[in-house]
Amino acid sequence: IVMDNASFHKRVKSLLNRHGHRLLFLPSYSPDLNPIEKKWAQAKFLRQGWMENNLPKLFHNMGCTSFILD
């Protein structure tokens, strides 16, 4: 289980401790250690590619040709 020190994780910590599990917490700000950050980076990359490929088409279809930059 990957957890930070968010207040709502205290109940989870208490429950797991009662059942003999040991928790290791991430430092207060450590996006490089959090596995979900890799997925967010992928999503941002894919979104960027979509924007570059489709935004001019979207503006054109909406009649906003003055916003299209070459």
N, C-alpha and C. Protein backbone atom coordinates (compact mmCIF):
# COMPACT_ATOMS: atom_id res chain seq x y z
N ILE A 1 0.86 -1.18 0.00
CA ILE A 1 0.00 0.00 0.00
C ILE A 1 0.90 1.23 0.00
N VAL A 2 0.61 2.14 -0.91
CA VAL A 2 1.35 3.40 -0.96
C VAL A 2 0.47 4.47 -0.36
N MET A 3 0.97 5.11 0.68
CA MET A 3 0.19 6.16 1.34
C MET A 3 1.11 7.32 1.66
N ASP A 4 0.52 8.49 1.72
CA ASP A 4 1.25 9.63 2.23
C ASP A 4 0.70 9.91 3.63
N ASN A 5 0.96 11.05 4.17
CA ASN A 5 0.51 11.34 5.53
C ASN A 5 -0.79 12.14 5.55
N ALA A 6 -1.65 11.92 4.58
CA ALA A 6 -2.95 12.59 4.56
C ALA A 6 -3.75 12.18 5.79
N SER A 7 -4.53 13.11 6.30
CA SER A 7 -5.26 12.84 7.54
C SER A 7 -6.21 11.65 7.42
N PHE A 8 -6.81 11.45 6.25
CA PHE A 8 -7.75 10.33 6.10
C PHE A 8 -7.05 8.98 6.06
N HIS A 9 -5.73 8.95 5.97
CA HIS A 9 -5.00 7.68 6.00
C HIS A 9 -4.77 7.18 7.43
N LYS A 10 -5.05 8.01 8.42
CA LYS A 10 -4.81 7.61 9.81
C LYS A 10 -5.66 6.40 10.20
N ARG A 11 -6.91 6.34 9.75
CA ARG A 11 -7.76 5.18 10.05
C ARG A 11 -7.20 3.92 9.40
N VAL A 12 -6.74 4.06 8.18
CA VAL A 12 -6.15 2.91 7.48
C VAL A 12 -4.92 2.43 8.24
N LYS A 13 -4.09 3.37 8.67
CA LYS A 13 -2.89 3.02 9.43
C LYS A 13 -3.27 2.26 10.70
N SER A 14 -4.26 2.77 11.41
CA SER A 14 -4.69 2.13 12.65
C SER A 14 -5.19 0.71 12.39
N LEU A 15 -6.00 0.55 11.37
CA LEU A 15 -6.55 -0.77 11.03
C LEU A 15 -5.43 -1.75 10.67
N LEU A 16 -4.51 -1.32 9.83
CA LEU A 16 -3.43 -2.21 9.41
C LEU A 16 -2.50 -2.56 10.57
N ASN A 17 -2.22 -1.59 11.43
CA ASN A 17 -1.38 -1.86 12.60
C ASN A 17 -2.02 -2.90 13.51
N ARG A 18 -3.33 -2.82 13.69
CA ARG A 18 -4.03 -3.80 14.54
C ARG A 18 -3.90 -5.22 13.98
N HIS A 19 -3.72 -5.33 12.68
CA HIS A 19 -3.60 -6.65 12.05
C HIS A 19 -2.16 -7.05 11.78
N GLY A 20 -1.23 -6.33 12.40
CA GLY A 20 0.17 -6.71 12.34
C GLY A 20 0.95 -6.27 11.11
N HIS A 21 0.41 -5.35 10.36
CA HIS A 21 1.12 -4.86 9.17
C HIS A 21 1.93 -3.62 9.52
N ARG A 22 3.06 -3.50 8.88
CA ARG A 22 3.93 -2.34 9.08
C ARG A 22 3.84 -1.45 7.85
N LEU A 23 3.66 -0.17 8.05
CA LEU A 23 3.53 0.77 6.94
C LEU A 23 4.78 1.60 6.78
N LEU A 24 5.12 1.86 5.55
CA LEU A 24 6.20 2.79 5.24
C LEU A 24 5.58 3.93 4.46
N PHE A 25 5.74 5.13 4.97
CA PHE A 25 5.14 6.30 4.34
C PHE A 25 6.11 6.98 3.39
N LEU A 26 5.55 7.56 2.35
CA LEU A 26 6.34 8.38 1.44
C LEU A 26 6.72 9.68 2.14
N PRO A 27 7.81 10.30 1.74
CA PRO A 27 8.10 11.64 2.24
C PRO A 27 6.95 12.57 1.87
N SER A 28 6.88 13.73 2.50
CA SER A 28 5.73 14.61 2.31
C SER A 28 5.52 15.02 0.86
N TYR A 29 6.56 15.20 0.08
CA TYR A 29 6.39 15.49 -1.34
C TYR A 29 7.40 14.66 -2.10
N SER A 30 6.92 13.61 -2.73
CA SER A 30 7.83 12.70 -3.44
C SER A 30 7.13 12.11 -4.67
N PRO A 31 6.78 12.94 -5.65
CA PRO A 31 6.07 12.41 -6.82
C PRO A 31 6.86 11.35 -7.58
N ASP A 32 8.18 11.41 -7.51
CA ASP A 32 9.00 10.42 -8.20
C ASP A 32 8.87 9.03 -7.59
N LEU A 33 8.43 8.95 -6.33
CA LEU A 33 8.27 7.65 -5.67
C LEU A 33 6.85 7.12 -5.76
N ASN A 34 5.92 7.94 -6.21
CA ASN A 34 4.53 7.55 -6.25
C ASN A 34 4.20 6.96 -7.62
N PRO A 35 3.83 5.68 -7.70
CA PRO A 35 3.61 5.02 -8.99
C PRO A 35 2.55 5.70 -9.86
N ILE A 36 1.55 6.32 -9.27
CA ILE A 36 0.50 6.94 -10.07
C ILE A 36 1.03 8.12 -10.88
N GLU A 37 2.11 8.73 -10.43
CA GLU A 37 2.67 9.87 -11.15
C GLU A 37 3.14 9.48 -12.55
N LYS A 38 3.61 8.25 -12.71
CA LYS A 38 4.02 7.78 -14.04
C LYS A 38 2.82 7.72 -14.98
N LYS A 39 1.68 7.29 -14.46
CA LYS A 39 0.46 7.23 -15.27
C LYS A 39 -0.03 8.63 -15.60
N TRP A 40 0.06 9.58 -14.65
CA TRP A 40 -0.33 10.96 -14.93
C TRP A 40 0.57 11.54 -16.02
N ALA A 41 1.85 11.23 -15.97
CA ALA A 41 2.77 11.73 -17.00
C ALA A 41 2.38 11.18 -18.37
N GLN A 42 2.02 9.89 -18.43
CA GLN A 42 1.57 9.29 -19.69
C GLN A 42 0.32 9.99 -20.20
N ALA A 43 -0.64 10.21 -19.31
CA ALA A 43 -1.89 10.86 -19.71
C ALA A 43 -1.63 12.26 -20.24
N LYS A 44 -0.76 13.01 -19.57
CA LYS A 44 -0.44 14.36 -20.03
C LYS A 44 0.24 14.33 -21.40
N PHE A 45 1.12 13.36 -21.60
CA PHE A 45 1.80 13.23 -22.88
C PHE A 45 0.80 12.92 -24.00
N LEU A 46 -0.10 11.98 -23.74
CA LEU A 46 -1.11 11.63 -24.74
C LEU A 46 -2.03 12.80 -25.03
N ARG A 47 -2.41 13.53 -23.98
CA ARG A 47 -3.27 14.69 -24.16
C ARG A 47 -2.57 15.75 -24.99
N GLN A 48 -1.29 15.94 -24.76
CA GLN A 48 -0.53 16.94 -25.51
C GLN A 48 -0.53 16.57 -27.00
N GLY A 49 -0.31 15.31 -27.31
CA GLY A 49 -0.34 14.86 -28.70
C GLY A 49 -1.70 15.08 -29.33
N TRP A 50 -2.75 14.82 -28.55
CA TRP A 50 -4.10 15.03 -29.08
C TRP A 50 -4.32 16.50 -29.38
N MET A 51 -3.90 17.35 -28.47
CA MET A 51 -4.10 18.79 -28.65
C MET A 51 -3.38 19.27 -29.90
N GLU A 52 -2.14 18.85 -30.09
CA GLU A 52 -1.36 19.29 -31.25
C GLU A 52 -1.99 18.84 -32.55
N ASN A 53 -2.56 17.63 -32.55
CA ASN A 53 -3.13 17.07 -33.77
C ASN A 53 -4.56 17.51 -34.04
N ASN A 54 -5.34 17.76 -33.00
CA ASN A 54 -6.77 17.97 -33.18
C ASN A 54 -7.27 19.38 -32.89
N LEU A 55 -6.52 20.18 -32.17
CA LEU A 55 -7.00 21.51 -31.82
C LEU A 55 -7.25 22.38 -33.04
N PRO A 56 -6.35 22.43 -34.03
CA PRO A 56 -6.66 23.23 -35.23
C PRO A 56 -7.94 22.76 -35.93
N LYS A 57 -8.15 21.43 -35.99
CA LYS A 57 -9.38 20.90 -36.61
C LYS A 57 -10.61 21.33 -35.81
N LEU A 58 -10.49 21.28 -34.50
CA LEU A 58 -11.60 21.67 -33.64
C LEU A 58 -11.96 23.13 -33.86
N PHE A 59 -10.95 24.00 -33.85
CA PHE A 59 -11.20 25.43 -34.08
C PHE A 59 -11.81 25.65 -35.46
N HIS A 60 -11.30 24.95 -36.47
CA HIS A 60 -11.83 25.10 -37.83
C HIS A 60 -13.30 24.69 -37.88
N ASN A 61 -13.62 23.56 -37.28
CA ASN A 61 -15.00 23.06 -37.29
C ASN A 61 -15.94 23.97 -36.52
N MET A 62 -15.42 24.70 -35.56
CA MET A 62 -16.25 25.63 -34.78
C MET A 62 -16.32 27.00 -35.44
N GLY A 63 -15.62 27.17 -36.55
CA GLY A 63 -15.63 28.47 -37.21
C GLY A 63 -14.71 29.48 -36.57
N CYS A 64 -13.73 29.02 -35.85
CA CYS A 64 -12.79 29.91 -35.15
C CYS A 64 -11.47 29.95 -35.90
N THR A 65 -11.50 30.16 -37.19
CA THR A 65 -10.28 30.09 -37.99
C THR A 65 -9.27 31.15 -37.60
N SER A 66 -9.71 32.25 -36.99
CA SER A 66 -8.75 33.29 -36.61
C SER A 66 -7.83 32.84 -35.48
N PHE A 67 -8.18 31.76 -34.78
CA PHE A 67 -7.35 31.26 -33.69
C PHE A 67 -6.31 30.26 -34.15
N ILE A 68 -6.39 29.80 -35.38
CA ILE A 68 -5.46 28.79 -35.88
C ILE A 68 -4.15 29.45 -36.26
N LEU A 69 -3.09 28.98 -35.64
CA LEU A 69 -1.75 29.51 -35.91
C LEU A 69 -0.94 28.47 -36.66
N ASP A 70 -0.18 28.92 -37.62
CA ASP A 70 0.69 27.99 -38.35
C ASP A 70 2.06 27.97 -37.73
